[in-house]
Amino acid sequence: MLGAVKLLKAKENDINGIVKIMFQPAEEIGLGAKDMIEDGLLENPKVDAAFALHVSPDLEVGKFGYKPGVAASSLDGFFLKIQGKGGHSSELQKCVDP
């Protein structure tokens, strides 16, 4: 992303409009974009288009891919409660392996 910033800055006079560069914190837990938008990121000035960048290990080094629309899955989570009677490996007969 910093490389893109450097290239865009070098062409600043050739760009018609305003470019915002956004580094999203907490991306892996699904909170970063929400907090950034609530803090007004897409306003002052208003954002007309947005592009996201993510690591894609299946692409050859030096290449990038582009896809209009949604290009990634959503983030969901769940809690799993496992119950059982633990114990020590020296007395497995007294344990219920959860």
C-alpha atoms as a PDB file:
ATOM      1  CA  MET A   1       0.000   0.000   0.000  1.00  0.00           C
ATOM      2  CA  LEU A   2       2.805   2.399   0.777  1.00  0.00           C
ATOM      3  CA  GLY A   3       4.217   1.668  -2.679  1.00  0.00           C
ATOM      4  CA  ALA A   4       0.880   2.675  -4.213  1.00  0.00           C
ATOM      5  CA  VAL A   5       0.906   5.867  -2.146  1.00  0.00           C
ATOM      6  CA  LYS A   6       4.370   6.721  -3.427  1.00  0.00           C
ATOM      7  CA  LEU A   7       3.333   6.174  -7.065  1.00  0.00           C
ATOM      8  CA  LEU A   8       0.125   8.179  -6.661  1.00  0.00           C
ATOM      9  CA  LYS A   9       1.964  11.037  -4.963  1.00  0.00           C
ATOM     10  CA  ALA A  10       4.451  11.156  -7.848  1.00  0.00           C
ATOM     11  CA  LYS A  11       1.496  11.577 -10.271  1.00  0.00           C
ATOM     12  CA  GLU A  12      -0.463  13.939  -8.028  1.00  0.00           C
ATOM     13  CA  ASN A  13      -0.671  16.703 -10.649  1.00  0.00           C
ATOM     14  CA  ASP A  14      -2.099  14.255 -13.218  1.00  0.00           C
ATOM     15  CA  ILE A  15      -4.920  13.038 -10.965  1.00  0.00           C
ATOM     16  CA  ASN A  16      -8.267  14.777 -11.289  1.00  0.00           C
ATOM     17  CA  GLY A  17      -9.876  14.510  -7.877  1.00  0.00           C
ATOM     18  CA  ILE A  18      -8.995  13.548  -4.344  1.00  0.00           C
ATOM     19  CA  VAL A  19      -7.444  10.234  -3.357  1.00  0.00           C
ATOM     20  CA  LYS A  20      -7.816   8.885   0.172  1.00  0.00           C
ATOM     21  CA  ILE A  21      -5.557   6.067   1.294  1.00  0.00           C
ATOM     22  CA  MET A  22      -7.036   3.951   4.074  1.00  0.00           C
ATOM     23  CA  PHE A  23      -5.150   1.453   6.178  1.00  0.00           C
ATOM     24  CA  GLN A  24      -7.736  -0.650   8.004  1.00  0.00           C
ATOM     25  CA  PRO A  25      -6.984  -1.674  11.582  1.00  0.00           C
ATOM     26  CA  ALA A  26      -8.631  -4.751  13.081  1.00  0.00           C
ATOM     27  CA  GLU A  27      -9.414  -6.126   9.602  1.00  0.00           C
ATOM     28  CA  GLU A  28      -9.114  -9.759  10.647  1.00  0.00           C
ATOM     29  CA  ILE A  29     -11.765  -9.404  13.360  1.00  0.00           C
ATOM     30  CA  GLY A  30     -14.213  -7.371  11.262  1.00  0.00           C
ATOM     31  CA  LEU A  31     -14.134  -4.145  13.256  1.00  0.00           C
ATOM     32  CA  GLY A  32     -11.766  -1.789  11.434  1.00  0.00           C
ATOM     33  CA  ALA A  33     -13.922  -0.658   8.506  1.00  0.00           C
ATOM     34  CA  LYS A  34     -17.008  -0.228  10.688  1.00  0.00           C
ATOM     35  CA  ASP A  35     -15.167   2.005  13.156  1.00  0.00           C
ATOM     36  CA  MET A  36     -13.499   3.999  10.369  1.00  0.00           C
ATOM     37  CA  ILE A  37     -16.830   4.644   8.617  1.00  0.00           C
ATOM     38  CA  GLU A  38     -18.509   5.611  11.908  1.00  0.00           C
ATOM     39  CA  ASP A  39     -15.646   8.071  12.477  1.00  0.00           C
ATOM     40  CA  GLY A  40     -16.472   9.768   9.143  1.00  0.00           C
ATOM     41  CA  LEU A  41     -13.831   8.304   6.855  1.00  0.00           C
ATOM     42  CA  LEU A  42     -16.117   8.393   3.813  1.00  0.00           C
ATOM     43  CA  GLU A  43     -17.010  12.072   4.348  1.00  0.00           C
ATOM     44  CA  ASN A  44     -15.170  15.417   4.202  1.00  0.00           C
ATOM     45  CA  PRO A  45     -14.539  15.014   1.327  1.00  0.00           C
ATOM     46  CA  LYS A  46     -17.145  12.440   0.294  1.00  0.00           C
ATOM     47  CA  VAL A  47     -15.822   9.233  -1.259  1.00  0.00           C
ATOM     48  CA  ASP A  48     -17.259   8.432  -4.708  1.00  0.00           C
ATOM     49  CA  ALA A  49     -15.464   5.101  -5.212  1.00  0.00           C
ATOM     50  CA  ALA A  50     -13.419   2.750  -3.068  1.00  0.00           C
ATOM     51  CA  PHE A  51     -10.928   0.019  -3.891  1.00  0.00           C
ATOM     52  CA  ALA A  52      -9.597  -2.544  -1.452  1.00  0.00           C
ATOM     53  CA  LEU A  53      -6.324  -4.412  -1.498  1.00  0.00           C
ATOM     54  CA  HIS A  54      -5.630  -7.707   0.208  1.00  0.00           C
ATOM     55  CA  VAL A  55      -2.818 -10.210   0.105  1.00  0.00           C
ATOM     56  CA  SER A  56      -3.473 -12.989  -2.399  1.00  0.00           C
ATOM     57  CA  PRO A  57      -0.873 -15.742  -2.088  1.00  0.00           C
ATOM     58  CA  ASP A  58      -2.131 -17.522  -5.216  1.00  0.00           C
ATOM     59  CA  LEU A  59      -0.984 -14.660  -7.470  1.00  0.00           C
ATOM     60  CA  GLU A  60       2.515 -14.599  -8.935  1.00  0.00           C
ATOM     61  CA  VAL A  61       4.894 -12.094  -7.303  1.00  0.00           C
ATOM     62  CA  GLY A  62       4.596  -8.716  -9.014  1.00  0.00           C
ATOM     63  CA  LYS A  63       1.053  -9.360 -10.280  1.00  0.00           C
ATOM     64  CA  PHE A  64      -2.271  -8.182  -8.946  1.00  0.00           C
ATOM     65  CA  GLY A  65      -5.840  -9.123  -9.683  1.00  0.00           C
ATOM     66  CA  TYR A  66      -8.969  -7.022 -10.058  1.00  0.00           C
ATOM     67  CA  LYS A  67     -12.613  -7.949  -9.723  1.00  0.00           C
ATOM     68  CA  PRO A  68     -15.570  -5.561  -9.736  1.00  0.00           C
ATOM     69  CA  GLY A  69     -18.058  -5.985  -6.902  1.00  0.00           C
ATOM     70  CA  VAL A  70     -17.554  -8.142  -3.846  1.00  0.00           C
ATOM     71  CA  ALA A  71     -14.398 -10.232  -4.022  1.00  0.00           C
ATOM     72  CA  ALA A  72     -14.169 -11.782  -0.566  1.00  0.00           C
ATOM     73  CA  SER A  73     -16.327 -13.640   1.894  1.00  0.00           C
ATOM     74  CA  SER A  74     -17.756 -12.080   5.017  1.00  0.00           C
ATOM     75  CA  LEU A  75     -16.451 -12.557   8.501  1.00  0.00           C
ATOM     76  CA  ASP A  76     -18.493 -14.587  10.943  1.00  0.00           C
ATOM     77  CA  GLY A  77     -17.694 -16.031  14.312  1.00  0.00           C
ATOM     78  CA  PHE A  78     -19.097 -18.517  16.775  1.00  0.00           C
ATOM     79  CA  PHE A  79     -18.467 -19.807  20.262  1.00  0.00           C
ATOM     80  CA  LEU A  80     -18.132 -23.487  20.995  1.00  0.00           C
ATOM     81  CA  LYS A  81     -18.563 -24.820  24.537  1.00  0.00           C
ATOM     82  CA  ILE A  82     -17.079 -28.260  25.070  1.00  0.00           C
ATOM     83  CA  GLN A  83     -18.066 -30.163  28.176  1.00  0.00           C
ATOM     84  CA  GLY A  84     -16.435 -33.232  29.557  1.00  0.00           C
ATOM     85  CA  LYS A  85     -14.539 -34.633  32.477  1.00  0.00           C
ATOM     86  CA  GLY A  86     -10.854 -33.932  32.075  1.00  0.00           C
ATOM     87  CA  GLY A  87      -8.089 -35.735  33.820  1.00  0.00           C
ATOM     88  CA  HIS A  88      -4.499 -36.820  33.639  1.00  0.00           C
ATOM     89  CA  SER A  89      -2.935 -39.083  31.047  1.00  0.00           C
ATOM     90  CA  SER A  90      -1.743 -41.405  33.807  1.00  0.00           C
ATOM     91  CA  GLU A  91      -5.379 -42.285  34.655  1.00  0.00           C
ATOM     92  CA  LEU A  92      -7.221 -42.212  31.332  1.00  0.00           C
ATOM     93  CA  GLN A  93      -9.840 -44.625  32.645  1.00  0.00           C
ATOM     94  CA  LYS A  94     -11.138 -41.820  34.924  1.00  0.00           C
ATOM     95  CA  CYS A  95     -11.501 -39.264  32.105  1.00  0.00           C
ATOM     96  CA  VAL A  96     -14.155 -38.513  29.525  1.00  0.00           C
ATOM     97  CA  ASP A  97     -12.295 -37.042  26.572  1.00  0.00           C
ATOM     98  CA  PRO A  98     -14.132 -33.856  25.616  1.00  0.00           C
END
